[in-house]
Amino acid sequence: MANVKLIIKTSLLAIIIVLVIGYSYYQARSFLTGPRVTILSPLNGATLKDALVDINGTAKNISHIALNDRPISIDEAGAFSEKLLLSPGYNIMEVTAKDRFGRGTSEILELVLIN
């Protein structure tokens, strides 16, 4: 009987520890994964006819974001929208972001402007 109580107590303690660790990871996952940037439009490699392009995307877990080394702003949901004037031919844009711990990420956008 004493062994059964010990097994039950040990099992409950193990379950509680696993739940606490799991919940802690769930709450801290955004800090553990670092900054994330996603460019939603235009699609990478797109061919455009209009020189004025609207670059839209989202950013998560960031403290600083820039488009071609020029700071841009995001809204409360992490969305950004920037207008850019393309040169004729091949264009490369880079969105870079850093979190408050100094970890960084970047997304490259390659577009072709035809006349």
PDB file of N, CA and C in Angstrom:
ATOM      1  N   MET A   1       0.820  -1.203   0.000  1.00  0.00           N
ATOM      2  CA  MET A   1       0.000   0.000   0.000  1.00  0.00           C
ATOM      3  C   MET A   1       0.864   1.268   0.000  1.00  0.00           C
ATOM      4  N   ALA A   2       1.950   1.240   0.747  1.00  0.00           N
ATOM      5  CA  ALA A   2       2.848   2.393   0.806  1.00  0.00           C
ATOM      6  C   ALA A   2       3.523   2.620  -0.546  1.00  0.00           C
ATOM      7  N   ASN A   3       3.824   1.514  -1.264  1.00  0.00           N
ATOM      8  CA  ASN A   3       4.453   1.642  -2.581  1.00  0.00           C
ATOM      9  C   ASN A   3       3.501   2.275  -3.588  1.00  0.00           C
ATOM     10  N   VAL A   4       2.224   1.959  -3.503  1.00  0.00           N
ATOM     11  CA  VAL A   4       1.236   2.528  -4.417  1.00  0.00           C
ATOM     12  C   VAL A   4       1.109   4.026  -4.189  1.00  0.00           C
ATOM     13  N   LYS A   5       1.085   4.445  -2.923  1.00  0.00           N
ATOM     14  CA  LYS A   5       1.001   5.880  -2.616  1.00  0.00           C
ATOM     15  C   LYS A   5       2.247   6.605  -3.112  1.00  0.00           C
ATOM     16  N   LEU A   6       3.400   6.004  -2.962  1.00  0.00           N
ATOM     17  CA  LEU A   6       4.655   6.608  -3.420  1.00  0.00           C
ATOM     18  C   LEU A   6       4.658   6.730  -4.944  1.00  0.00           C
ATOM     19  N   ILE A   7       4.186   5.711  -5.625  1.00  0.00           N
ATOM     20  CA  ILE A   7       4.122   5.749  -7.086  1.00  0.00           C
ATOM     21  C   ILE A   7       3.154   6.823  -7.553  1.00  0.00           C
ATOM     22  N   ILE A   8       2.013   6.943  -6.912  1.00  0.00           N
ATOM     23  CA  ILE A   8       1.024   7.961  -7.280  1.00  0.00           C
ATOM     24  C   ILE A   8       1.584   9.363  -7.045  1.00  0.00           C
ATOM     25  N   LYS A   9       2.217   9.590  -5.893  1.00  0.00           N
ATOM     26  CA  LYS A   9       2.806  10.903  -5.591  1.00  0.00           C
ATOM     27  C   LYS A   9       3.900  11.251  -6.593  1.00  0.00           C
ATOM     28  N   THR A  10       4.754  10.285  -6.909  1.00  0.00           N
ATOM     29  CA  THR A  10       5.842  10.518  -7.859  1.00  0.00           C
ATOM     30  C   THR A  10       5.285  10.814  -9.244  1.00  0.00           C
ATOM     31  N   SER A  11       4.259  10.068  -9.657  1.00  0.00           N
ATOM     32  CA  SER A  11       3.636  10.289 -10.963  1.00  0.00           C
ATOM     33  C   SER A  11       2.996  11.667 -11.037  1.00  0.00           C
ATOM     34  N   LEU A  12       2.272  12.066 -10.022  1.00  0.00           N
ATOM     35  CA  LEU A  12       1.649  13.388  -9.996  1.00  0.00           C
ATOM     36  C   LEU A  12       2.691  14.498 -10.034  1.00  0.00           C
ATOM     37  N   LEU A  13       3.765  14.325  -9.279  1.00  0.00           N
ATOM     38  CA  LEU A  13       4.848  15.310  -9.273  1.00  0.00           C
ATOM     39  C   LEU A  13       5.487  15.411 -10.654  1.00  0.00           C
ATOM     40  N   ALA A  14       5.709  14.273 -11.306  1.00  0.00           N
ATOM     41  CA  ALA A  14       6.297  14.271 -12.650  1.00  0.00           C
ATOM     42  C   ALA A  14       5.364  14.956 -13.638  1.00  0.00           C
ATOM     43  N   ILE A  15       4.063  14.702 -13.557  1.00  0.00           N
ATOM     44  CA  ILE A  15       3.088  15.327 -14.452  1.00  0.00           C
ATOM     45  C   ILE A  15       3.062  16.834 -14.240  1.00  0.00           C
ATOM     46  N   ILE A  16       3.100  17.276 -12.994  1.00  0.00           N
ATOM     47  CA  ILE A  16       3.102  18.708 -12.689  1.00  0.00           C
ATOM     48  C   ILE A  16       4.358  19.375 -13.237  1.00  0.00           C
ATOM     49  N   ILE A  17       5.500  18.733 -13.088  1.00  0.00           N
ATOM     50  CA  ILE A  17       6.756  19.292 -13.597  1.00  0.00           C
ATOM     51  C   ILE A  17       6.712  19.402 -15.120  1.00  0.00           C
ATOM     52  N   VAL A  18       6.220  18.370 -15.794  1.00  0.00           N
ATOM     53  CA  VAL A  18       6.118  18.405 -17.250  1.00  0.00           C
ATOM     54  C   VAL A  18       5.161  19.507 -17.695  1.00  0.00           C
ATOM     55  N   LEU A  19       4.044  19.675 -17.015  1.00  0.00           N
ATOM     56  CA  LEU A  19       3.088  20.728 -17.353  1.00  0.00           C
ATOM     57  C   LEU A  19       3.695  22.116 -17.157  1.00  0.00           C
ATOM     58  N   VAL A  20       4.427  22.327 -16.074  1.00  0.00           N
ATOM     59  CA  VAL A  20       5.052  23.628 -15.825  1.00  0.00           C
ATOM     60  C   VAL A  20       6.103  23.929 -16.884  1.00  0.00           C
ATOM     61  N   ILE A  21       6.922  22.951 -17.236  1.00  0.00           N
ATOM     62  CA  ILE A  21       7.941  23.155 -18.271  1.00  0.00           C
ATOM     63  C   ILE A  21       7.281  23.413 -19.624  1.00  0.00           C
ATOM     64  N   GLY A  22       6.253  22.653 -19.949  1.00  0.00           N
ATOM     65  CA  GLY A  22       5.541  22.847 -21.208  1.00  0.00           C
ATOM     66  C   GLY A  22       4.893  24.217 -21.299  1.00  0.00           C
ATOM     67  N   TYR A  23       4.252  24.647 -20.230  1.00  0.00           N
ATOM     68  CA  TYR A  23       3.612  25.964 -20.211  1.00  0.00           C
ATOM     69  C   TYR A  23       4.659  27.072 -20.317  1.00  0.00           C
ATOM     70  N   SER A  24       5.788  26.911 -19.631  1.00  0.00           N
ATOM     71  CA  SER A  24       6.859  27.912 -19.702  1.00  0.00           C
ATOM     72  C   SER A  24       7.393  28.033 -21.122  1.00  0.00           C
ATOM     73  N   TYR A  25       7.604  26.906 -21.779  1.00  0.00           N
ATOM     74  CA  TYR A  25       8.071  26.942 -23.162  1.00  0.00           C
ATOM     75  C   TYR A  25       7.024  27.605 -24.061  1.00  0.00           C
ATOM     76  N   TYR A  26       5.771  27.262 -23.870  1.00  0.00           N
ATOM     77  CA  TYR A  26       4.695  27.836 -24.681  1.00  0.00           C
ATOM     78  C   TYR A  26       4.670  29.358 -24.549  1.00  0.00           C
ATOM     79  N   GLN A  27       4.828  29.863 -23.342  1.00  0.00           N
ATOM     80  CA  GLN A  27       4.806  31.310 -23.116  1.00  0.00           C
ATOM     81  C   GLN A  27       6.066  32.005 -23.632  1.00  0.00           C
ATOM     82  N   ALA A  28       7.198  31.304 -23.640  1.00  0.00           N
ATOM     83  CA  ALA A  28       8.471  31.924 -24.019  1.00  0.00           C
ATOM     84  C   ALA A  28       8.870  31.626 -25.460  1.00  0.00           C
ATOM     85  N   ARG A  29       8.050  30.911 -26.211  1.00  0.00           N
ATOM     86  CA  ARG A  29       8.447  30.477 -27.547  1.00  0.00           C
ATOM     87  C   ARG A  29       8.763  31.647 -28.476  1.00  0.00           C
ATOM     88  N   SER A  30       8.040  32.751 -28.362  1.00  0.00           N
ATOM     89  CA  SER A  30       8.317  33.877 -29.250  1.00  0.00           C
ATOM     90  C   SER A  30       9.687  34.495 -28.951  1.00  0.00           C
ATOM     91  N   PHE A  31      10.093  34.486 -27.703  1.00  0.00           N
ATOM     92  CA  PHE A  31      11.415  35.013 -27.365  1.00  0.00           C
ATOM     93  C   PHE A  31      12.508  34.036 -27.766  1.00  0.00           C
ATOM     94  N   LEU A  32      12.224  32.756 -27.719  1.00  0.00           N
ATOM     95  CA  LEU A  32      13.214  31.746 -28.057  1.00  0.00           C
ATOM     96  C   LEU A  32      13.446  31.650 -29.562  1.00  0.00           C
ATOM     97  N   THR A  33      12.422  31.905 -30.356  1.00  0.00           N
ATOM     98  CA  THR A  33      12.552  31.771 -31.808  1.00  0.00           C
ATOM     99  C   THR A  33      13.229  32.963 -32.459  1.00  0.00           C
ATOM    100  N   GLY A  34      13.267  34.097 -31.802  1.00  0.00           N
ATOM    101  CA  GLY A  34      13.908  35.272 -32.361  1.00  0.00           C
ATOM    102  C   GLY A  34      12.999  36.026 -33.311  1.00  0.00           C
ATOM    103  N   PRO A  35      13.556  37.045 -33.993  1.00  0.00           N
ATOM    104  CA  PRO A  35      12.742  37.875 -34.877  1.00  0.00           C
ATOM    105  C   PRO A  35      12.351  37.107 -36.142  1.00  0.00           C
ATOM    106  N   ARG A  36      11.159  37.428 -36.651  1.00  0.00           N
ATOM    107  CA  ARG A  36      10.664  36.814 -37.883  1.00  0.00           C
ATOM    108  C   ARG A  36      10.091  37.900 -38.785  1.00  0.00           C
ATOM    109  N   VAL A  37      10.453  37.848 -40.059  1.00  0.00           N
ATOM    110  CA  VAL A  37       9.955  38.793 -41.056  1.00  0.00           C
ATOM    111  C   VAL A  37       9.403  37.990 -42.229  1.00  0.00           C
ATOM    112  N   THR A  38       8.208  38.357 -42.679  1.00  0.00           N
ATOM    113  CA  THR A  38       7.587  37.717 -43.830  1.00  0.00           C
ATOM    114  C   THR A  38       7.110  38.801 -44.792  1.00  0.00           C
ATOM    115  N   ILE A  39       7.545  38.723 -46.044  1.00  0.00           N
ATOM    116  CA  ILE A  39       7.075  39.652 -47.065  1.00  0.00           C
ATOM    117  C   ILE A  39       5.884  38.999 -47.763  1.00  0.00           C
ATOM    118  N   LEU A  40       4.728  39.650 -47.665  1.00  0.00           N
ATOM    119  CA  LEU A  40       3.495  39.094 -48.223  1.00  0.00           C
ATOM    120  C   LEU A  40       3.276  39.469 -49.685  1.00  0.00           C
ATOM    121  N   SER A  41       3.593  40.701 -50.045  1.00  0.00           N
ATOM    122  CA  SER A  41       3.450  41.114 -51.440  1.00  0.00           C
ATOM    123  C   SER A  41       4.425  42.250 -51.724  1.00  0.00           C
ATOM    124  N   PRO A  42       4.920  42.341 -52.925  1.00  0.00           N
ATOM    125  CA  PRO A  42       4.754  41.424 -54.042  1.00  0.00           C
ATOM    126  C   PRO A  42       5.561  40.148 -53.819  1.00  0.00           C
ATOM    127  N   LEU A  43       5.278  39.137 -54.601  1.00  0.00           N
ATOM    128  CA  LEU A  43       5.993  37.874 -54.483  1.00  0.00           C
ATOM    129  C   LEU A  43       7.422  38.024 -54.981  1.00  0.00           C
ATOM    130  N   ASN A  44       8.324  37.303 -54.358  1.00  0.00           N
ATOM    131  CA  ASN A  44       9.723  37.329 -54.760  1.00  0.00           C
ATOM    132  C   ASN A  44       9.846  36.847 -56.198  1.00  0.00           C
ATOM    133  N   GLY A  45      10.598  37.573 -57.029  1.00  0.00           N
ATOM    134  CA  GLY A  45      10.803  37.213 -58.421  1.00  0.00           C
ATOM    135  C   GLY A  45       9.733  37.738 -59.362  1.00  0.00           C
ATOM    136  N   ALA A  46       8.823  38.555 -58.852  1.00  0.00           N
ATOM    137  CA  ALA A  46       7.727  39.067 -59.679  1.00  0.00           C
ATOM    138  C   ALA A  46       8.241  40.035 -60.739  1.00  0.00           C
ATOM    139  N   THR A  47       7.542  40.059 -61.868  1.00  0.00           N
ATOM    140  CA  THR A  47       7.805  41.013 -62.934  1.00  0.00           C
ATOM    141  C   THR A  47       6.681  42.044 -62.912  1.00  0.00           C
ATOM    142  N   LEU A  48       7.058  43.311 -62.792  1.00  0.00           N
ATOM    143  CA  LEU A  48       6.074  44.384 -62.643  1.00  0.00           C
ATOM    144  C   LEU A  48       6.174  45.375 -63.788  1.00  0.00           C
ATOM    145  N   LYS A  49       5.060  46.049 -64.065  1.00  0.00           N
ATOM    146  CA  LYS A  49       5.036  47.081 -65.095  1.00  0.00           C
ATOM    147  C   LYS A  49       4.974  48.480 -64.489  1.00  0.00           C
ATOM    148  N   ASP A  50       4.558  48.585 -63.227  1.00  0.00           N
ATOM    149  CA  ASP A  50       4.447  49.868 -62.546  1.00  0.00           C
ATOM    150  C   ASP A  50       5.674  50.089 -61.663  1.00  0.00           C
ATOM    151  N   ALA A  51       6.322  51.238 -61.813  1.00  0.00           N
ATOM    152  CA  ALA A  51       7.547  51.510 -61.058  1.00  0.00           C
ATOM    153  C   ALA A  51       7.291  51.697 -59.571  1.00  0.00           C
ATOM    154  N   LEU A  52       6.091  52.126 -59.190  1.00  0.00           N
ATOM    155  CA  LEU A  52       5.770  52.329 -57.783  1.00  0.00           C
ATOM    156  C   LEU A  52       5.191  51.022 -57.224  1.00  0.00           C
ATOM    157  N   VAL A  53       5.893  50.451 -56.282  1.00  0.00           N
ATOM    158  CA  VAL A  53       5.471  49.172 -55.707  1.00  0.00           C
ATOM    159  C   VAL A  53       5.209  49.342 -54.218  1.00  0.00           C
ATOM    160  N   ASP A  54       4.193  48.650 -53.728  1.00  0.00           N
ATOM    161  CA  ASP A  54       3.837  48.676 -52.307  1.00  0.00           C
ATOM    162  C   ASP A  54       4.300  47.358 -51.690  1.00  0.00           C
ATOM    163  N   ILE A  55       5.274  47.415 -50.799  1.00  0.00           N
ATOM    164  CA  ILE A  55       5.825  46.224 -50.159  1.00  0.00           C
ATOM    165  C   ILE A  55       5.099  46.032 -48.832  1.00  0.00           C
ATOM    166  N   ASN A  56       4.418  44.901 -48.698  1.00  0.00           N
ATOM    167  CA  ASN A  56       3.647  44.586 -47.497  1.00  0.00           C
ATOM    168  C   ASN A  56       4.195  43.326 -46.845  1.00  0.00           C
ATOM    169  N   GLY A  57       4.139  43.305 -45.516  1.00  0.00           N
ATOM    170  CA  GLY A  57       4.597  42.122 -44.803  1.00  0.00           C
ATOM    171  C   GLY A  57       4.275  42.203 -43.329  1.00  0.00           C
ATOM    172  N   THR A  58       4.789  41.215 -42.609  1.00  0.00           N
ATOM    173  CA  THR A  58       4.611  41.176 -41.161  1.00  0.00           C
ATOM    174  C   THR A  58       5.953  40.927 -40.492  1.00  0.00           C
ATOM    175  N   ALA A  59       6.044  41.379 -39.262  1.00  0.00           N
ATOM    176  CA  ALA A  59       7.250  41.178 -38.461  1.00  0.00           C
ATOM    177  C   ALA A  59       6.831  40.831 -37.040  1.00  0.00           C
ATOM    178  N   LYS A  60       7.484  39.854 -36.471  1.00  0.00           N
ATOM    179  CA  LYS A  60       7.191  39.422 -35.110  1.00  0.00           C
ATOM    180  C   LYS A  60       8.467  39.445 -34.278  1.00  0.00           C
ATOM    181  N   ASN A  61       8.320  39.779 -33.018  1.00  0.00           N
ATOM    182  CA  ASN A  61       9.414  39.761 -32.037  1.00  0.00           C
ATOM    183  C   ASN A  61      10.578  40.660 -32.441  1.00  0.00           C
ATOM    184  N   ILE A  62      10.285  41.880 -32.852  1.00  0.00           N
ATOM    185  CA  ILE A  62      11.351  42.778 -33.286  1.00  0.00           C
ATOM    186  C   ILE A  62      11.369  44.050 -32.448  1.00  0.00           C
ATOM    187  N   SER A  63      12.534  44.689 -32.430  1.00  0.00           N
ATOM    188  CA  SER A  63      12.646  46.011 -31.821  1.00  0.00           C
ATOM    189  C   SER A  63      13.064  47.051 -32.854  1.00  0.00           C
ATOM    190  N   HIS A  64      13.618  46.582 -33.994  1.00  0.00           N
ATOM    191  CA  HIS A  64      14.053  47.486 -35.064  1.00  0.00           C
ATOM    192  C   HIS A  64      13.850  46.777 -36.403  1.00  0.00           C
ATOM    193  N   ILE A  65      13.328  47.505 -37.396  1.00  0.00           N
ATOM    194  CA  ILE A  65      13.141  46.947 -38.743  1.00  0.00           C
ATOM    195  C   ILE A  65      13.504  48.007 -39.762  1.00  0.00           C
ATOM    196  N   ALA A  66      14.115  47.559 -40.864  1.00  0.00           N
ATOM    197  CA  ALA A  66      14.537  48.498 -41.903  1.00  0.00           C
ATOM    198  C   ALA A  66      14.341  47.868 -43.277  1.00  0.00           C
ATOM    199  N   LEU A  67      14.062  48.724 -44.261  1.00  0.00           N
ATOM    200  CA  LEU A  67      13.971  48.325 -45.657  1.00  0.00           C
ATOM    201  C   LEU A  67      15.106  49.021 -46.383  1.00  0.00           C
ATOM    202  N   ASN A  68      16.037  48.246 -46.929  1.00  0.00           N
ATOM    203  CA  ASN A  68      17.243  48.799 -47.578  1.00  0.00           C
ATOM    204  C   ASN A  68      17.968  49.769 -46.646  1.00  0.00           C
ATOM    205  N   ASP A  69      18.145  49.376 -45.407  1.00  0.00           N
ATOM    206  CA  ASP A  69      18.844  50.139 -44.353  1.00  0.00           C
ATOM    207  C   ASP A  69      18.141  51.439 -43.964  1.00  0.00           C
ATOM    208  N   ARG A  70      16.878  51.608 -44.358  1.00  0.00           N
ATOM    209  CA  ARG A  70      16.083  52.780 -43.968  1.00  0.00           C
ATOM    210  C   ARG A  70      15.005  52.303 -43.004  1.00  0.00           C
ATOM    211  N   PRO A  71      14.988  52.833 -41.777  1.00  0.00           N
ATOM    212  CA  PRO A  71      13.988  52.372 -40.793  1.00  0.00           C
ATOM    213  C   PRO A  71      12.560  52.528 -41.300  1.00  0.00           C
ATOM    214  N   ILE A  72      11.736  51.535 -41.025  1.00  0.00           N
ATOM    215  CA  ILE A  72      10.321  51.586 -41.364  1.00  0.00           C
ATOM    216  C   ILE A  72       9.522  51.321 -40.096  1.00  0.00           C
ATOM    217  N   SER A  73       8.238  51.623 -40.151  1.00  0.00           N
ATOM    218  CA  SER A  73       7.405  51.443 -38.955  1.00  0.00           C
ATOM    219  C   SER A  73       6.437  50.281 -39.173  1.00  0.00           C
ATOM    220  N   ILE A  74       6.009  49.718 -38.056  1.00  0.00           N
ATOM    221  CA  ILE A  74       5.025  48.647 -38.086  1.00  0.00           C
ATOM    222  C   ILE A  74       3.861  49.039 -37.187  1.00  0.00           C
ATOM    223  N   ASP A  75       2.708  48.438 -37.430  1.00  0.00           N
ATOM    224  CA  ASP A  75       1.556  48.722 -36.576  1.00  0.00           C
ATOM    225  C   ASP A  75       1.544  47.765 -35.379  1.00  0.00           C
ATOM    226  N   GLU A  76       0.496  47.847 -34.570  1.00  0.00           N
ATOM    227  CA  GLU A  76       0.408  47.048 -33.344  1.00  0.00           C
ATOM    228  C   GLU A  76       0.404  45.551 -33.625  1.00  0.00           C
ATOM    229  N   ALA A  77      -0.111  45.162 -34.784  1.00  0.00           N
ATOM    230  CA  ALA A  77      -0.190  43.741 -35.149  1.00  0.00           C
ATOM    231  C   ALA A  77       1.102  43.244 -35.790  1.00  0.00           C
ATOM    232  N   GLY A  78       2.056  44.136 -36.031  1.00  0.00           N
ATOM    233  CA  GLY A  78       3.322  43.746 -36.638  1.00  0.00           C
ATOM    234  C   GLY A  78       3.344  43.858 -38.153  1.00  0.00           C
ATOM    235  N   ALA A  79       2.330  44.485 -38.743  1.00  0.00           N
ATOM    236  CA  ALA A  79       2.266  44.632 -40.202  1.00  0.00           C
ATOM    237  C   ALA A  79       3.002  45.894 -40.644  1.00  0.00           C
ATOM    238  N   PHE A  80       3.631  45.808 -41.806  1.00  0.00           N
ATOM    239  CA  PHE A  80       4.264  46.986 -42.387  1.00  0.00           C
ATOM    240  C   PHE A  80       3.855  47.126 -43.848  1.00  0.00           C
ATOM    241  N   SER A  81       3.908  48.353 -44.344  1.00  0.00           N
ATOM    242  CA  SER A  81       3.588  48.661 -45.729  1.00  0.00           C
ATOM    243  C   SER A  81       4.431  49.859 -46.140  1.00  0.00           C
ATOM    244  N   GLU A  82       5.254  49.657 -47.147  1.00  0.00           N
ATOM    245  CA  GLU A  82       6.139  50.722 -47.621  1.00  0.00           C
ATOM    246  C   GLU A  82       6.066  50.815 -49.133  1.00  0.00           C
ATOM    247  N   LYS A  83       6.021  52.045 -49.637  1.00  0.00           N
ATOM    248  CA  LYS A  83       6.037  52.265 -51.084  1.00  0.00           C
ATOM    249  C   LYS A  83       7.478  52.523 -51.505  1.00  0.00           C
ATOM    250  N   LEU A  84       7.838  51.943 -52.652  1.00  0.00           N
ATOM    251  CA  LEU A  84       9.193  52.080 -53.171  1.00  0.00           C
ATOM    252  C   LEU A  84       9.124  52.311 -54.679  1.00  0.00           C
ATOM    253  N   LEU A  85       9.996  53.139 -55.182  1.00  0.00           N
ATOM    254  CA  LEU A  85      10.078  53.402 -56.615  1.00  0.00           C
ATOM    255  C   LEU A  85      11.195  52.525 -57.179  1.00  0.00           C
ATOM    256  N   LEU A  86      10.850  51.652 -58.120  1.00  0.00           N
ATOM    257  CA  LEU A  86      11.812  50.728 -58.699  1.00  0.00           C
ATOM    258  C   LEU A  86      12.540  51.346 -59.875  1.00  0.00           C
ATOM    259  N   SER A  87      13.765  50.895 -60.084  1.00  0.00           N
ATOM    260  CA  SER A  87      14.528  51.267 -61.272  1.00  0.00           C
ATOM    261  C   SER A  87      14.180  50.281 -62.384  1.00  0.00           C
ATOM    262  N   PRO A  88      14.294  50.697 -63.633  1.00  0.00           N
ATOM    263  CA  PRO A  88      14.043  49.740 -64.718  1.00  0.00           C
ATOM    264  C   PRO A  88      15.017  48.565 -64.624  1.00  0.00           C
ATOM    265  N   GLY A  89      14.499  47.372 -64.854  1.00  0.00           N
ATOM    266  CA  GLY A  89      15.344  46.180 -64.805  1.00  0.00           C
ATOM    267  C   GLY A  89      15.231  45.454 -63.481  1.00  0.00           C
ATOM    268  N   TYR A  90      16.346  44.893 -63.062  1.00  0.00           N
ATOM    269  CA  TYR A  90      16.420  44.031 -61.883  1.00  0.00           C
ATOM    270  C   TYR A  90      16.611  44.867 -60.618  1.00  0.00           C
ATOM    271  N   ASN A  91      15.788  44.622 -59.581  1.00  0.00           N
ATOM    272  CA  ASN A  91      15.861  45.352 -58.308  1.00  0.00           C
ATOM    273  C   ASN A  91      15.935  44.353 -57.159  1.00  0.00           C
ATOM    274  N   ILE A  92      16.776  44.665 -56.180  1.00  0.00           N
ATOM    275  CA  ILE A  92      16.890  43.840 -54.972  1.00  0.00           C
ATOM    276  C   ILE A  92      16.594  44.721 -53.768  1.00  0.00           C
ATOM    277  N   MET A  93      15.655  44.267 -52.924  1.00  0.00           N
ATOM    278  CA  MET A  93      15.345  44.952 -51.675  1.00  0.00           C
ATOM    279  C   MET A  93      15.601  43.984 -50.522  1.00  0.00           C
ATOM    280  N   GLU A  94      16.016  44.534 -49.388  1.00  0.00           N
ATOM    281  CA  GLU A  94      16.259  43.701 -48.221  1.00  0.00           C
ATOM    282  C   GLU A  94      15.553  44.303 -47.008  1.00  0.00           C
ATOM    283  N   VAL A  95      14.757  43.474 -46.355  1.00  0.00           N
ATOM    284  CA  VAL A  95      14.110  43.861 -45.106  1.00  0.00           C
ATOM    285  C   VAL A  95      14.888  43.170 -43.989  1.00  0.00           C
ATOM    286  N   THR A  96      15.464  43.976 -43.091  1.00  0.00           N
ATOM    287  CA  THR A  96      16.218  43.428 -41.963  1.00  0.00           C
ATOM    288  C   THR A  96      15.527  43.791 -40.658  1.00  0.00           C
ATOM    289  N   ALA A  97      15.638  42.907 -39.691  1.00  0.00           N
ATOM    290  CA  ALA A  97      15.018  43.145 -38.388  1.00  0.00           C
ATOM    291  C   ALA A  97      15.910  42.588 -37.293  1.00  0.00           C
ATOM    292  N   LYS A  98      15.844  43.239 -36.137  1.00  0.00           N
ATOM    293  CA  LYS A  98      16.571  42.777 -34.958  1.00  0.00           C
ATOM    294  C   LYS A  98      15.628  42.779 -33.765  1.00  0.00           C
ATOM    295  N   ASP A  99      15.880  41.854 -32.848  1.00  0.00           N
ATOM    296  CA  ASP A  99      15.100  41.856 -31.615  1.00  0.00           C
ATOM    297  C   ASP A  99      15.894  42.568 -30.531  1.00  0.00           C
ATOM    298  N   ARG A 100      15.335  42.657 -29.357  1.00  0.00           N
ATOM    299  CA  ARG A 100      15.991  43.415 -28.279  1.00  0.00           C
ATOM    300  C   ARG A 100      17.220  42.719 -27.724  1.00  0.00           C
ATOM    301  N   PHE A 101      17.456  41.465 -28.133  1.00  0.00           N
ATOM    302  CA  PHE A 101      18.633  40.728 -27.686  1.00  0.00           C
ATOM    303  C   PHE A 101      19.757  40.776 -28.713  1.00  0.00           C
ATOM    304  N   GLY A 102      19.539  41.515 -29.823  1.00  0.00           N
ATOM    305  CA  GLY A 102      20.556  41.659 -30.850  1.00  0.00           C
ATOM    306  C   GLY A 102      20.514  40.597 -31.934  1.00  0.00           C
ATOM    307  N   ARG A 103      19.596  39.655 -31.842  1.00  0.00           N
ATOM    308  CA  ARG A 103      19.483  38.633 -32.879  1.00  0.00           C
ATOM    309  C   ARG A 103      18.794  39.247 -34.092  1.00  0.00           C
ATOM    310  N   GLY A 104      19.264  38.904 -35.274  1.00  0.00           N
ATOM    311  CA  GLY A 104      18.720  39.506 -36.472  1.00  0.00           C
ATOM    312  C   GLY A 104      18.282  38.492 -37.503  1.00  0.00           C
ATOM    313  N   THR A 105      17.503  38.986 -38.453  1.00  0.00           N
ATOM    314  CA  THR A 105      17.053  38.191 -39.597  1.00  0.00           C
ATOM    315  C   THR A 105      16.846  39.128 -40.766  1.00  0.00           C
ATOM    316  N   SER A 106      16.796  38.576 -41.964  1.00  0.00           N
ATOM    317  CA  SER A 106      16.530  39.404 -43.135  1.00  0.00           C
ATOM    318  C   SER A 106      15.785  38.591 -44.184  1.00  0.00           C
ATOM    319  N   GLU A 107      15.069  39.302 -45.023  1.00  0.00           N
ATOM    320  CA  GLU A 107      14.347  38.732 -46.151  1.00  0.00           C
ATOM    321  C   GLU A 107      14.735  39.531 -47.390  1.00  0.00           C
ATOM    322  N   ILE A 108      15.087  38.833 -48.440  1.00  0.00           N
ATOM    323  CA  ILE A 108      15.459  39.463 -49.698  1.00  0.00           C
ATOM    324  C   ILE A 108      14.271  39.399 -50.647  1.00  0.00           C
ATOM    325  N   LEU A 109      14.001  40.506 -51.339  1.00  0.00           N
ATOM    326  CA  LEU A 109      12.931  40.591 -52.324  1.00  0.00           C
ATOM    327  C   LEU A 109      13.557  41.021 -53.651  1.00  0.00           C
ATOM    328  N   GLU A 110      13.427  40.172 -54.676  1.00  0.00           N
ATOM    329  CA  GLU A 110      13.962  40.463 -55.992  1.00  0.00           C
ATOM    330  C   GLU A 110      12.786  40.713 -56.943  1.00  0.00           C
ATOM    331  N   LEU A 111      12.807  41.862 -57.595  1.00  0.00           N
ATOM    332  CA  LEU A 111      11.730  42.249 -58.513  1.00  0.00           C
ATOM    333  C   LEU A 111      12.337  42.720 -59.829  1.00  0.00           C
ATOM    334  N   VAL A 112      11.572  42.535 -60.908  1.00  0.00           N
ATOM    335  CA  VAL A 112      11.994  43.002 -62.230  1.00  0.00           C
ATOM    336  C   VAL A 112      10.952  43.983 -62.734  1.00  0.00           C
ATOM    337  N   LEU A 113      11.408  45.173 -63.119  1.00  0.00           N
ATOM    338  CA  LEU A 113      10.532  46.206 -63.685  1.00  0.00           C
ATOM    339  C   LEU A 113      10.759  46.254 -65.185  1.00  0.00           C
ATOM    340  N   ILE A 114       9.666  46.009 -65.924  1.00  0.00           N
ATOM    341  CA  ILE A 114       9.761  46.105 -67.374  1.00  0.00           C
ATOM    342  C   ILE A 114       8.991  47.343 -67.831  1.00  0.00           C
ATOM    343  N   ASN A 115       9.445  47.929 -68.903  1.00  0.00           N
ATOM    344  CA  ASN A 115       8.805  49.143 -69.427  1.00  0.00           C
ATOM    345  C   ASN A 115       7.862  48.788 -70.548  1.00  0.00           C
TER     346      ASN A 115
END
